[in-house]
Amino acid sequence: MAKGKKKLEVVQLVCQETGDQNYTLRRKTGGEKLKVKKYSPRLRKHTVHVEKRK
Protein backbone atom coordinates (compact mmCIF):
# COMPACT_ATOMS: atom_id res chain seq x y z
CA MET A 1 0.00 0.00 0.00
CA ALA A 2 1.17 3.50 -0.75
CA LYS A 3 1.51 5.93 2.12
CA GLY A 4 -0.20 9.32 1.95
CA LYS A 5 1.93 12.28 1.06
CA LYS A 6 2.89 14.72 3.80
CA LYS A 7 1.24 18.11 3.47
CA LEU A 8 3.52 21.06 2.84
CA GLU A 9 2.80 24.52 4.14
CA VAL A 10 4.19 27.86 3.00
CA VAL A 11 6.09 29.73 5.71
CA GLN A 12 7.92 33.01 5.63
CA LEU A 13 11.12 33.86 7.46
CA VAL A 14 10.92 37.23 9.19
CA CYS A 15 13.94 39.18 10.38
CA GLN A 16 13.79 39.78 14.15
CA GLU A 17 15.60 43.11 13.97
CA THR A 18 13.74 44.82 11.10
CA GLY A 19 10.53 42.78 10.78
CA ASP A 20 11.06 42.30 7.03
CA GLN A 21 9.83 39.13 5.34
CA ASN A 22 12.93 38.21 3.36
CA TYR A 23 12.54 34.50 2.60
CA THR A 24 9.70 32.10 1.73
CA LEU A 25 9.92 28.33 1.90
CA ARG A 26 7.76 25.22 1.98
CA ARG A 27 8.08 22.73 4.81
CA LYS A 28 6.22 19.83 6.35
CA THR A 29 3.45 20.68 8.79
CA GLY A 30 4.06 20.38 12.52
CA GLY A 31 7.28 20.62 14.43
CA GLU A 32 8.94 23.57 16.11
CA LYS A 33 9.29 27.05 14.66
CA LEU A 34 12.46 27.63 12.68
CA LYS A 35 15.14 30.04 13.88
CA VAL A 36 17.81 30.48 11.22
CA LYS A 37 20.60 32.99 10.63
CA LYS A 38 20.01 34.45 7.16
CA TYR A 39 21.19 37.51 5.28
CA SER A 40 19.17 40.71 5.74
CA PRO A 41 19.51 42.99 2.70
CA ARG A 42 18.37 46.09 4.58
CA LEU A 43 21.00 45.74 7.33
CA ARG A 44 23.56 44.12 5.01
CA LYS A 45 24.50 41.47 7.57
CA HIS A 46 23.35 38.08 8.85
CA THR A 47 20.57 38.19 11.45
CA VAL A 48 18.23 35.71 13.11
CA HIS A 49 15.07 35.01 11.12
CA VAL A 50 12.05 33.26 12.65
CA GLU A 51 9.23 31.38 10.99
CA LYS A 52 5.87 33.05 10.40
CA ARG A 53 3.05 30.95 9.00
CA LYS A 54 1.15 32.43 6.10
C-alpha atoms as a PDB file:
ATOM      1  CA  MET A   1       0.000   0.000   0.000  1.00  0.00           C
ATOM      2  CA  ALA A   2       1.171   3.501  -0.750  1.00  0.00           C
ATOM      3  CA  LYS A   3       1.509   5.927   2.118  1.00  0.00           C
ATOM      4  CA  GLY A   4      -0.204   9.316   1.952  1.00  0.00           C
ATOM      5  CA  LYS A   5       1.925  12.282   1.063  1.00  0.00           C
ATOM      6  CA  LYS A   6       2.887  14.724   3.797  1.00  0.00           C
ATOM      7  CA  LYS A   7       1.241  18.111   3.469  1.00  0.00           C
ATOM      8  CA  LEU A   8       3.517  21.064   2.842  1.00  0.00           C
ATOM      9  CA  GLU A   9       2.797  24.525   4.141  1.00  0.00           C
ATOM     10  CA  VAL A  10       4.188  27.862   2.999  1.00  0.00           C
ATOM     11  CA  VAL A  11       6.089  29.725   5.714  1.00  0.00           C
ATOM     12  CA  GLN A  12       7.920  33.013   5.630  1.00  0.00           C
ATOM     13  CA  LEU A  13      11.120  33.860   7.461  1.00  0.00           C
ATOM     14  CA  VAL A  14      10.916  37.226   9.194  1.00  0.00           C
ATOM     15  CA  CYS A  15      13.942  39.180  10.383  1.00  0.00           C
ATOM     16  CA  GLN A  16      13.787  39.776  14.151  1.00  0.00           C
ATOM     17  CA  GLU A  17      15.599  43.107  13.972  1.00  0.00           C
ATOM     18  CA  THR A  18      13.744  44.817  11.100  1.00  0.00           C
ATOM     19  CA  GLY A  19      10.528  42.784  10.785  1.00  0.00           C
ATOM     20  CA  ASP A  20      11.060  42.304   7.031  1.00  0.00           C
ATOM     21  CA  GLN A  21       9.825  39.133   5.338  1.00  0.00           C
ATOM     22  CA  ASN A  22      12.933  38.212   3.359  1.00  0.00           C
ATOM     23  CA  TYR A  23      12.539  34.497   2.599  1.00  0.00           C
ATOM     24  CA  THR A  24       9.704  32.103   1.729  1.00  0.00           C
ATOM     25  CA  LEU A  25       9.924  28.329   1.904  1.00  0.00           C
ATOM     26  CA  ARG A  26       7.759  25.221   1.981  1.00  0.00           C
ATOM     27  CA  ARG A  27       8.084  22.730   4.805  1.00  0.00           C
ATOM     28  CA  LYS A  28       6.216  19.828   6.348  1.00  0.00           C
ATOM     29  CA  THR A  29       3.450  20.680   8.791  1.00  0.00           C
ATOM     30  CA  GLY A  30       4.058  20.383  12.518  1.00  0.00           C
ATOM     31  CA  GLY A  31       7.277  20.620  14.434  1.00  0.00           C
ATOM     32  CA  GLU A  32       8.939  23.574  16.110  1.00  0.00           C
ATOM     33  CA  LYS A  33       9.290  27.051  14.658  1.00  0.00           C
ATOM     34  CA  LEU A  34      12.463  27.625  12.684  1.00  0.00           C
ATOM     35  CA  LYS A  35      15.144  30.037  13.884  1.00  0.00           C
ATOM     36  CA  VAL A  36      17.814  30.476  11.223  1.00  0.00           C
ATOM     37  CA  LYS A  37      20.598  32.989  10.633  1.00  0.00           C
ATOM     38  CA  LYS A  38      20.011  34.449   7.158  1.00  0.00           C
ATOM     39  CA  TYR A  39      21.190  37.515   5.278  1.00  0.00           C
ATOM     40  CA  SER A  40      19.173  40.710   5.741  1.00  0.00           C
ATOM     41  CA  PRO A  41      19.510  42.993   2.701  1.00  0.00           C
ATOM     42  CA  ARG A  42      18.374  46.093   4.580  1.00  0.00           C
ATOM     43  CA  LEU A  43      20.996  45.736   7.330  1.00  0.00           C
ATOM     44  CA  ARG A  44      23.561  44.118   5.007  1.00  0.00           C
ATOM     45  CA  LYS A  45      24.501  41.474   7.573  1.00  0.00           C
ATOM     46  CA  HIS A  46      23.346  38.084   8.850  1.00  0.00           C
ATOM     47  CA  THR A  47      20.572  38.190  11.447  1.00  0.00           C
ATOM     48  CA  VAL A  48      18.232  35.710  13.114  1.00  0.00           C
ATOM     49  CA  HIS A  49      15.069  35.006  11.120  1.00  0.00           C
ATOM     50  CA  VAL A  50      12.053  33.260  12.650  1.00  0.00           C
ATOM     51  CA  GLU A  51       9.228  31.382  10.988  1.00  0.00           C
ATOM     52  CA  LYS A  52       5.871  33.046  10.403  1.00  0.00           C
ATOM     53  CA  ARG A  53       3.052  30.945   8.996  1.00  0.00           C
ATOM     54  CA  LYS A  54       1.146  32.429   6.095  1.00  0.00           C
END
